[in-house]
């Protein structure tokens, strides 16, 4: 599924399962959007900081340049390394190294889905220079745990409606328009994945974990309430009533059919744009149409972040560097390098972004997107998604499937907690 580095977030949710116990630290700070910095006197000269990057070559070039500039300004050295781990170790390798006392001071492009497990084990230092007001609230919420902020968002994206402009000149904005266009031009998506399905589950009134004034309750799961059941029914209808697709359509098949012009609409993220364009598709991007209840869909926001190790021996310097690698100038360079959508509110209205119709379409979708829960129990939600094909095929009714989904999630949480 990882066709571009911005897809790291969707992948990150599947890669951690067993980091356990402990607790995070508890202070917060402000000021991450501009060139603001720790005072020079608080950062010693002559030290060496290590950065582990989960981004790919296009962004790595920018990161190395920024790190060298920060190092020169402070009289320090910054060593930037490219992550080489794969598979289940792709993101957990950071935690393994930090536990061993050999981990980097800063990691960048870490998917926010992984923060909950790191936080529980006490591996994350609070992002003391992060100002939540600099970001859309739903982006800031994605890095908040225990009442404080533990990462610097550096890129944010969600899925949106991708459509073939050669066939559809004006994208649908209502459910009735969407059904009409889908019947005429075709539509698909990776229905077997909860990450994509939450557009409909949340939009129809479901929720993942109950939010009690900023604290998520993993014991209160809203994936079998009336709204979630209505969302599962919509997903089943796509297969059984409208016949737009069948349960065997996974992300690979859905992408291929859109790229080959077999369907005119497709729900996915920025990571699938380049391949479609290369295949000759005139790609348009727009917010997902309102649902049958008249409310917008609720894609999950995928944050890429910079995090600071709680074990760093040079904490003030590490915080300063993490802030510097995620400030507005840096985020704009990442966008220019590889179209990474910025997390800062100020850049989401920047002319460089808004003049790019693809980027603008995805940024507009962020207005209705919601923060992906970052608590460790979110891993259990993804592990329970194996029941979804049974709902799509009609083997389980929407209500039965929703109930089974919640039961499977609760069982996975029990296993996760030992």
Protein backbone atom coordinates (compact mmCIF):
# COMPACT_ATOMS: atom_id res chain seq x y z
CA UNK A 1 0.00 0.00 0.00
CA UNK A 2 2.97 2.32 0.42
CA UNK A 3 3.25 3.94 -2.99
CA UNK A 4 4.62 7.20 -1.59
CA UNK A 5 6.00 8.27 1.75
CA UNK A 6 2.83 10.17 2.67
CA UNK A 7 1.20 6.79 2.96
CA UNK A 8 3.24 6.07 6.06
CA UNK A 9 0.32 6.97 8.28
CA UNK A 10 -2.08 4.48 6.86
CA UNK A 11 0.65 1.85 7.21
CA UNK A 12 1.70 2.88 10.68
CA UNK A 13 -1.60 1.83 12.21
CA UNK A 14 -0.86 -1.80 11.38
CA UNK A 15 2.75 -1.99 12.51
CA UNK A 16 2.73 -1.74 16.30
CA UNK A 17 0.97 -4.16 18.58
CA UNK A 18 2.80 -4.79 21.81
CA UNK A 19 4.48 -1.82 23.48
CA UNK A 20 3.14 -1.97 26.99
CA UNK A 21 2.70 -0.14 30.30
CA UNK A 22 4.35 2.88 31.88
CA UNK A 23 3.32 6.50 31.47
CA UNK A 24 4.39 9.64 29.64
CA UNK A 25 5.76 12.83 31.06
CA UNK A 26 3.47 15.80 31.58
CA UNK A 27 4.45 19.27 30.52
CA UNK A 28 3.46 21.30 27.49
CA UNK A 29 4.64 24.41 25.73
CA UNK A 30 4.03 26.59 22.71
CA UNK A 31 5.40 28.18 19.61
CA UNK A 32 6.16 25.78 16.77
CA UNK A 33 4.97 27.52 13.65
CA UNK A 34 7.65 30.08 12.92
CA UNK A 35 11.38 30.33 13.38
CA UNK A 36 11.04 30.67 17.16
CA UNK A 37 13.67 28.72 19.07
CA UNK A 38 15.05 27.91 22.47
CA UNK A 39 17.37 30.64 23.67
CA UNK A 40 20.94 30.15 22.55
CA UNK A 41 22.17 29.94 26.12
CA UNK A 42 19.98 26.88 26.81
CA UNK A 43 21.54 24.91 23.95
CA UNK A 44 25.14 23.81 24.50
CA UNK A 45 27.66 24.07 21.68
CA UNK A 46 29.73 21.19 20.43
CA UNK A 47 27.10 18.47 20.89
CA UNK A 48 25.92 15.93 18.33
CA UNK A 49 22.22 15.22 17.81
CA UNK A 50 20.84 12.26 15.90
CA UNK A 51 17.70 12.34 13.74
CA UNK A 52 15.97 9.25 12.35
CA UNK A 53 13.84 9.99 9.28
CA UNK A 54 10.94 7.85 8.09
CA UNK A 55 10.62 9.94 4.96
CA UNK A 56 12.05 9.12 1.58
CA UNK A 57 14.83 10.71 -0.52
CA UNK A 58 12.89 13.79 -1.66
CA UNK A 59 12.25 14.94 1.91
CA UNK A 60 15.58 13.63 3.18
CA UNK A 61 17.39 16.15 1.03
CA UNK A 62 15.41 18.95 2.68
CA UNK A 63 15.84 17.53 6.19
CA UNK A 64 19.60 17.28 5.84
CA UNK A 65 19.83 20.86 4.60
CA UNK A 66 17.68 22.15 7.47
CA UNK A 67 19.55 20.07 10.04
CA UNK A 68 22.89 21.37 8.80
CA UNK A 69 21.60 24.95 8.99
CA UNK A 70 20.31 24.48 12.53
CA UNK A 71 23.63 22.90 13.52
CA UNK A 72 25.62 25.78 12.09
CA UNK A 73 23.46 28.35 13.91
CA UNK A 74 24.00 26.60 17.26
CA UNK A 75 27.55 25.35 16.83
CA UNK A 76 26.41 21.73 16.91
CA UNK A 77 26.39 18.71 14.63
CA UNK A 78 23.27 16.93 13.45
CA UNK A 79 23.49 13.45 12.00
CA UNK A 80 20.44 12.45 9.92
CA UNK A 81 19.81 8.79 9.18
CA UNK A 82 17.28 7.15 6.89
CA UNK A 83 15.14 4.47 8.50
CA UNK A 84 16.07 1.09 7.07
CA UNK A 85 13.74 -1.14 9.09
CA UNK A 86 10.85 -2.84 7.32
CA UNK A 87 7.83 -4.93 8.17
CA UNK A 88 6.69 -5.04 11.78
CA UNK A 89 9.90 -3.28 12.86
CA UNK A 90 9.38 -0.32 10.56
CA UNK A 91 8.25 2.05 13.31
CA UNK A 92 8.85 0.07 16.50
CA UNK A 93 12.60 0.14 15.81
CA UNK A 94 12.66 3.69 17.21
CA UNK A 95 11.26 2.44 20.51
CA UNK A 96 13.69 -0.47 20.61
CA UNK A 97 16.65 1.85 20.16
CA UNK A 98 15.39 4.35 22.73
CA UNK A 99 14.90 1.59 25.31
CA UNK A 100 18.43 0.40 24.67
CA UNK A 101 19.81 3.89 25.23
CA UNK A 102 21.08 4.14 21.67
CA UNK A 103 18.07 5.78 20.07
CA UNK A 104 18.04 9.05 18.15
CA UNK A 105 17.16 12.33 19.84
CA UNK A 106 14.51 13.11 17.22
CA UNK A 107 12.47 11.05 14.79
CA UNK A 108 10.63 12.71 11.91
CA UNK A 109 7.72 11.54 9.76
CA UNK A 110 6.57 9.23 12.54
CA UNK A 111 2.88 8.36 12.01
CA UNK A 112 0.79 9.66 14.89
CA UNK A 113 -1.02 6.31 15.14
CA UNK A 114 2.04 4.99 16.93
CA UNK A 115 2.27 7.70 19.59
CA UNK A 116 -0.08 6.05 22.07
CA UNK A 117 2.12 2.99 22.53
CA UNK A 118 5.24 5.15 22.90
CA UNK A 119 3.47 7.41 25.37
CA UNK A 120 2.31 4.51 27.52
CA UNK A 121 5.87 3.30 27.87
CA UNK A 122 7.20 6.75 28.73
CA UNK A 123 9.43 7.02 25.66
CA UNK A 124 8.10 10.38 24.43
CA UNK A 125 9.17 13.75 25.71
CA UNK A 126 6.43 16.42 25.70
CA UNK A 127 6.62 18.74 22.69
CA UNK A 128 7.42 21.78 24.81
CA UNK A 129 7.64 24.20 21.88
CA UNK A 130 4.47 23.04 20.15
CA UNK A 131 1.70 25.66 20.02
CA UNK A 132 -1.63 23.87 19.42
CA UNK A 133 -3.30 27.06 18.20
CA UNK A 134 -1.00 27.00 15.17
CA UNK A 135 -2.83 23.93 13.83
CA UNK A 136 -6.40 23.00 12.96
CA UNK A 137 -7.91 21.61 16.15
CA UNK A 138 -8.35 18.14 14.70
CA UNK A 139 -4.66 18.05 13.76
CA UNK A 140 -3.51 19.18 17.20
CA UNK A 141 -5.80 16.66 18.88
CA UNK A 142 -4.00 13.89 17.03
CA UNK A 143 -0.82 14.48 19.06
CA UNK A 144 -2.47 15.17 22.43
CA UNK A 145 -2.35 12.59 25.20
CA UNK A 146 -3.05 12.92 28.89
CA UNK A 147 -3.83 16.59 28.46
CA UNK A 148 -0.50 17.46 26.85
CA UNK A 149 1.09 17.44 23.40
CA UNK A 150 3.77 14.91 22.56
CA UNK A 151 4.71 15.55 18.94
CA UNK A 152 5.16 18.30 16.37
CA UNK A 153 2.82 17.74 13.40
CA UNK A 154 4.68 18.17 10.15
CA UNK A 155 2.20 16.90 7.54
CA UNK A 156 -1.50 16.08 7.62
CA UNK A 157 -3.72 14.34 5.15
CA UNK A 158 -6.88 12.34 4.84
CA UNK A 159 -8.62 10.49 2.07
CA UNK A 160 -10.92 12.44 -0.23
CA UNK A 161 -12.90 11.86 -3.42
CA UNK A 162 -10.65 11.37 -6.41
CA UNK A 163 -12.43 11.55 -9.75
CA UNK A 164 -11.66 11.37 -13.46
CA UNK A 165 -12.13 14.90 -14.80
CA UNK A 166 -12.39 13.58 -18.36
CA UNK A 167 -15.69 11.93 -17.40
CA UNK A 168 -16.89 14.05 -14.47
CA UNK A 169 -16.50 17.79 -14.96
CA UNK A 170 -18.16 18.73 -11.67
CA UNK A 171 -17.77 16.38 -8.69
CA UNK A 172 -20.90 15.43 -6.73
CA UNK A 173 -21.56 17.27 -3.48
CA UNK A 174 -24.67 15.44 -2.22
CA UNK A 175 -25.43 11.77 -1.71
CA UNK A 176 -28.06 11.71 -4.47
CA UNK A 177 -25.59 13.25 -6.92
CA UNK A 178 -22.94 10.80 -5.80
CA UNK A 179 -25.20 7.77 -6.35
CA UNK A 180 -26.13 9.04 -9.80
CA UNK A 181 -22.50 9.55 -10.82
CA UNK A 182 -21.38 6.26 -9.26
CA UNK A 183 -24.08 4.38 -11.17
CA UNK A 184 -23.02 6.03 -14.41
CA UNK A 185 -19.23 6.21 -14.11
CA UNK A 186 -18.39 3.63 -11.45
CA UNK A 187 -16.97 3.96 -7.96
CA UNK A 188 -14.78 1.92 -5.66
CA UNK A 189 -12.63 2.05 -2.55
CA UNK A 190 -10.74 -0.30 -0.24
CA UNK A 191 -13.78 -1.31 1.79
CA UNK A 192 -11.97 -4.03 3.69
CA UNK A 193 -9.95 -1.40 5.56
CA UNK A 194 -11.44 0.43 8.53
CA UNK A 195 -9.26 3.47 7.77
CA UNK A 196 -11.28 4.14 4.62
CA UNK A 197 -14.62 2.97 5.97
CA UNK A 198 -14.66 5.42 8.84
CA UNK A 199 -15.66 8.10 6.32
CA UNK A 200 -19.14 6.54 6.48
CA UNK A 201 -19.19 5.09 9.98
CA UNK A 202 -18.33 8.38 11.65
CA UNK A 203 -20.27 10.50 9.20
CA UNK A 204 -23.46 8.61 9.95
CA UNK A 205 -22.99 9.06 13.69
CA UNK A 206 -20.66 6.34 14.93
CA UNK A 207 -17.51 6.96 16.93
CA UNK A 208 -14.42 4.95 17.80
CA UNK A 209 -13.75 5.81 21.44
CA UNK A 210 -15.87 8.18 23.51
CA UNK A 211 -14.18 11.55 23.93
CA UNK A 212 -14.66 12.80 27.49
CA UNK A 213 -13.37 16.38 27.40
CA UNK A 214 -10.23 15.44 25.52
CA UNK A 215 -9.67 12.04 27.14
CA UNK A 216 -10.55 8.98 25.07
CA UNK A 217 -12.30 6.13 26.86
CA UNK A 218 -11.27 2.78 25.32
CA UNK A 219 -14.09 1.07 27.24
CA UNK A 220 -16.74 3.09 25.39
CA UNK A 221 -16.67 2.00 21.74
CA UNK A 222 -19.27 3.54 19.43
CA UNK A 223 -18.90 1.26 16.44
CA UNK A 224 -22.21 -0.52 17.02
CA UNK A 225 -24.46 2.43 17.82
CA UNK A 226 -27.27 3.36 15.44
CA UNK A 227 -25.04 5.70 13.44
CA UNK A 228 -22.30 3.13 12.96
CA UNK A 229 -24.86 0.50 11.95
CA UNK A 230 -26.21 2.96 9.35
CA UNK A 231 -22.65 3.44 8.12
CA UNK A 232 -22.05 -0.29 7.81
CA UNK A 233 -25.35 -0.53 5.94
CA UNK A 234 -24.14 2.05 3.42
CA UNK A 235 -20.97 0.04 2.89
CA UNK A 236 -22.98 -3.13 2.38
CA UNK A 237 -25.35 -1.35 -0.01
CA UNK A 238 -22.40 -0.34 -2.19
CA UNK A 239 -21.91 -4.05 -2.91
CA UNK A 240 -25.32 -5.64 -2.52
CA UNK A 241 -27.69 -2.87 -3.65
CA UNK A 242 -25.73 -0.67 -6.06
CA UNK A 243 -23.20 -3.33 -7.15
CA UNK A 244 -20.42 -0.77 -7.50
CA UNK A 245 -17.93 -3.33 -6.22
CA UNK A 246 -17.66 -6.60 -4.32
CA UNK A 247 -15.89 -7.60 -1.08
CA UNK A 248 -12.81 -8.77 -2.98
CA UNK A 249 -11.96 -5.21 -4.07
CA UNK A 250 -8.97 -4.30 -1.94
CA UNK A 251 -6.75 -1.24 -2.19
CA UNK A 252 -4.65 -2.72 -4.99
CA UNK A 253 -7.70 -3.59 -7.10
CA UNK A 254 -9.44 -0.29 -6.40
CA UNK A 255 -6.35 1.69 -7.36
CA UNK A 256 -5.82 -0.33 -10.53
CA UNK A 257 -9.42 0.13 -11.66
CA UNK A 258 -9.25 3.89 -11.20
CA UNK A 259 -5.85 4.14 -12.91
CA UNK A 260 -7.15 2.08 -15.84
CA UNK A 261 -10.24 4.24 -16.26
CA UNK A 262 -12.66 1.47 -15.32
CA UNK A 263 -14.27 3.59 -12.60
CA UNK A 264 -14.70 7.35 -12.55
CA UNK A 265 -14.54 7.87 -8.79
CA UNK A 266 -12.32 6.51 -6.06
CA UNK A 267 -11.79 7.28 -2.37
CA UNK A 268 -8.11 7.45 -1.48
CA UNK A 269 -5.34 9.81 -0.45
CA UNK A 270 -2.49 11.85 -1.93
CA UNK A 271 -0.35 8.74 -2.18
CA UNK A 272 -2.39 7.48 -5.14
CA UNK A 273 -2.39 10.65 -7.24
CA UNK A 274 0.96 10.31 -9.01
CA UNK A 275 0.30 6.79 -10.31
CA UNK A 276 -3.10 7.78 -11.67
CA UNK A 277 -1.65 10.80 -13.43
CA UNK A 278 1.16 8.68 -14.85
CA UNK A 279 -1.51 6.33 -16.21
CA UNK A 280 -3.09 9.26 -18.03
CA UNK A 281 -6.01 9.97 -15.70
CA UNK A 282 -7.00 13.62 -15.39
CA UNK A 283 -7.25 13.53 -11.61
CA UNK A 284 -9.60 15.80 -9.72
CA UNK A 285 -9.86 15.89 -5.94
CA UNK A 286 -12.83 17.12 -3.91
CA UNK A 287 -14.37 16.60 -0.48
CA UNK A 288 -16.47 13.47 -0.15
CA UNK A 289 -20.16 14.29 -0.76
CA UNK A 290 -22.58 14.65 2.12
CA UNK A 291 -24.09 11.37 3.27
CA UNK A 292 -27.79 10.34 3.32
CA UNK A 293 -28.20 12.06 6.70
CA UNK A 294 -27.11 15.36 5.12
CA UNK A 295 -23.86 15.41 7.08
CA UNK A 296 -20.31 15.25 5.72
CA UNK A 297 -18.18 12.15 5.77
CA UNK A 298 -15.48 11.93 8.44
CA UNK A 299 -12.15 10.71 7.09
CA UNK A 300 -9.47 9.98 9.65
CA UNK A 301 -6.61 12.46 9.67
CA UNK A 302 -3.18 10.98 9.18
CA UNK A 303 -0.52 13.07 10.92
CA UNK A 304 3.16 12.73 10.27
CA UNK A 305 5.08 14.07 13.22
CA UNK A 306 8.45 14.86 14.71
CA UNK A 307 8.98 13.33 18.15
CA UNK A 308 11.65 13.78 20.80
CA UNK A 309 13.01 10.90 22.83
CA UNK A 310 12.41 11.18 26.56
CA UNK A 311 15.89 9.66 26.93
CA UNK A 312 17.68 12.42 24.99
CA UNK A 313 20.70 13.74 26.89
CA UNK A 314 20.31 17.11 25.16
CA UNK A 315 16.62 17.83 25.67
CA UNK A 316 16.60 21.58 25.03
CA UNK A 317 18.56 21.13 21.81
CA UNK A 318 16.40 18.21 20.68
CA UNK A 319 13.19 20.22 21.22
CA UNK A 320 14.65 23.14 19.32
CA UNK A 321 15.68 20.92 16.42
CA UNK A 322 12.31 19.16 16.26
CA UNK A 323 10.57 22.54 16.16
CA UNK A 324 12.94 23.81 13.48
CA UNK A 325 12.34 20.76 11.26
CA UNK A 326 8.58 21.34 11.44
CA UNK A 327 8.26 25.12 11.26
CA UNK A 328 6.42 26.87 8.44
CA UNK A 329 9.50 27.27 6.23
CA UNK A 330 10.29 23.57 6.59
CA UNK A 331 6.74 22.39 5.90
CA UNK A 332 6.58 24.49 2.76
CA UNK A 333 9.83 22.93 1.54
CA UNK A 334 8.49 19.42 2.15
CA UNK A 335 5.44 20.28 0.08
CA UNK A 336 7.59 21.56 -2.77
CA UNK A 337 9.82 18.50 -2.55
CA UNK A 338 7.16 15.80 -2.59
CA UNK A 339 3.68 17.36 -2.20
CA UNK A 340 3.43 16.62 1.53
CA UNK A 341 0.41 18.54 2.76
CA UNK A 342 1.32 20.95 5.57
CA UNK A 343 -0.08 20.59 9.08
CA UNK A 344 0.10 24.28 10.01
CA UNK A 345 -3.08 26.31 9.54
CA UNK A 346 -1.14 29.23 8.08
CA UNK A 347 0.19 27.10 5.23
CA UNK A 348 -3.13 25.50 4.39
CA UNK A 349 -4.22 28.91 3.06
CA UNK A 350 -0.84 29.69 1.51
CA UNK A 351 -1.06 30.50 -2.20
CA UNK A 352 1.51 27.82 -2.99
CA UNK A 353 -0.93 25.25 -1.65
CA UNK A 354 -4.23 26.75 -2.77
CA UNK A 355 -3.01 27.29 -6.33
CA UNK A 356 -2.47 23.53 -6.65
CA UNK A 357 -5.95 22.06 -7.29
CA UNK A 358 -4.95 18.58 -6.10
CA UNK A 359 -3.50 19.87 -2.85
CA UNK A 360 -6.43 22.22 -2.32
CA UNK A 361 -8.91 19.38 -2.73
CA UNK A 362 -7.24 17.36 -0.01
CA UNK A 363 -6.82 20.38 2.27
CA UNK A 364 -10.51 21.22 1.86
CA UNK A 365 -11.36 17.68 2.98
CA UNK A 366 -9.49 18.27 6.24
CA UNK A 367 -12.32 20.59 7.28
CA UNK A 368 -14.56 17.58 7.97
CA UNK A 369 -11.85 15.06 8.83
CA UNK A 370 -11.37 13.93 12.42
CA UNK A 371 -8.32 13.07 14.48
CA UNK A 372 -7.32 9.43 14.47
CA UNK A 373 -7.35 8.18 18.07
CA UNK A 374 -3.74 7.97 19.20
CA UNK A 375 -4.22 5.77 22.26
CA UNK A 376 -2.65 2.34 22.15
CA UNK A 377 -6.03 0.63 21.95
CA UNK A 378 -6.51 1.99 18.42
CA UNK A 379 -4.32 -0.89 17.24
CA UNK A 380 -7.08 -3.25 18.37
CA UNK A 381 -9.63 -1.42 16.21
CA UNK A 382 -7.55 -2.09 13.12
CA UNK A 383 -6.92 -5.71 14.07
CA UNK A 384 -10.69 -6.28 14.31
CA UNK A 385 -11.38 -5.22 10.71
CA UNK A 386 -11.30 -8.81 9.43
CA UNK A 387 -15.07 -8.96 10.05
CA UNK A 388 -15.78 -6.27 7.44
CA UNK A 389 -15.89 -8.59 4.37
CA UNK A 390 -18.63 -10.61 6.05
CA UNK A 391 -20.69 -7.44 6.35
CA UNK A 392 -20.02 -6.41 2.76
CA UNK A 393 -21.04 -9.82 1.42
CA UNK A 394 -24.24 -9.91 3.45
CA UNK A 395 -23.15 -12.92 5.52
CA UNK A 396 -23.70 -10.64 8.50
CA UNK A 397 -26.29 -7.89 8.67
CA UNK A 398 -25.01 -4.39 9.37
CA UNK A 399 -26.23 -4.63 12.97
CA UNK A 400 -24.77 -8.10 13.52
CA UNK A 401 -21.48 -7.11 11.93
CA UNK A 402 -21.21 -3.91 13.95
CA UNK A 403 -21.76 -5.84 17.17
CA UNK A 404 -19.15 -8.40 16.12
CA UNK A 405 -16.71 -5.61 15.27
CA UNK A 406 -17.02 -4.17 18.78
CA UNK A 407 -16.68 -7.60 20.39
CA UNK A 408 -13.57 -8.33 18.33
CA UNK A 409 -12.09 -4.97 19.27
CA UNK A 410 -12.71 -5.56 22.97
CA UNK A 411 -11.11 -9.00 22.72
CA UNK A 412 -8.08 -7.54 20.97
CA UNK A 413 -7.76 -4.87 23.65
CA UNK A 414 -7.81 -7.57 26.34
CA UNK A 415 -5.03 -9.44 24.57
CA UNK A 416 -3.09 -6.22 24.08
CA UNK A 417 -3.28 -5.42 27.79
CA UNK A 418 -2.17 -8.88 28.77
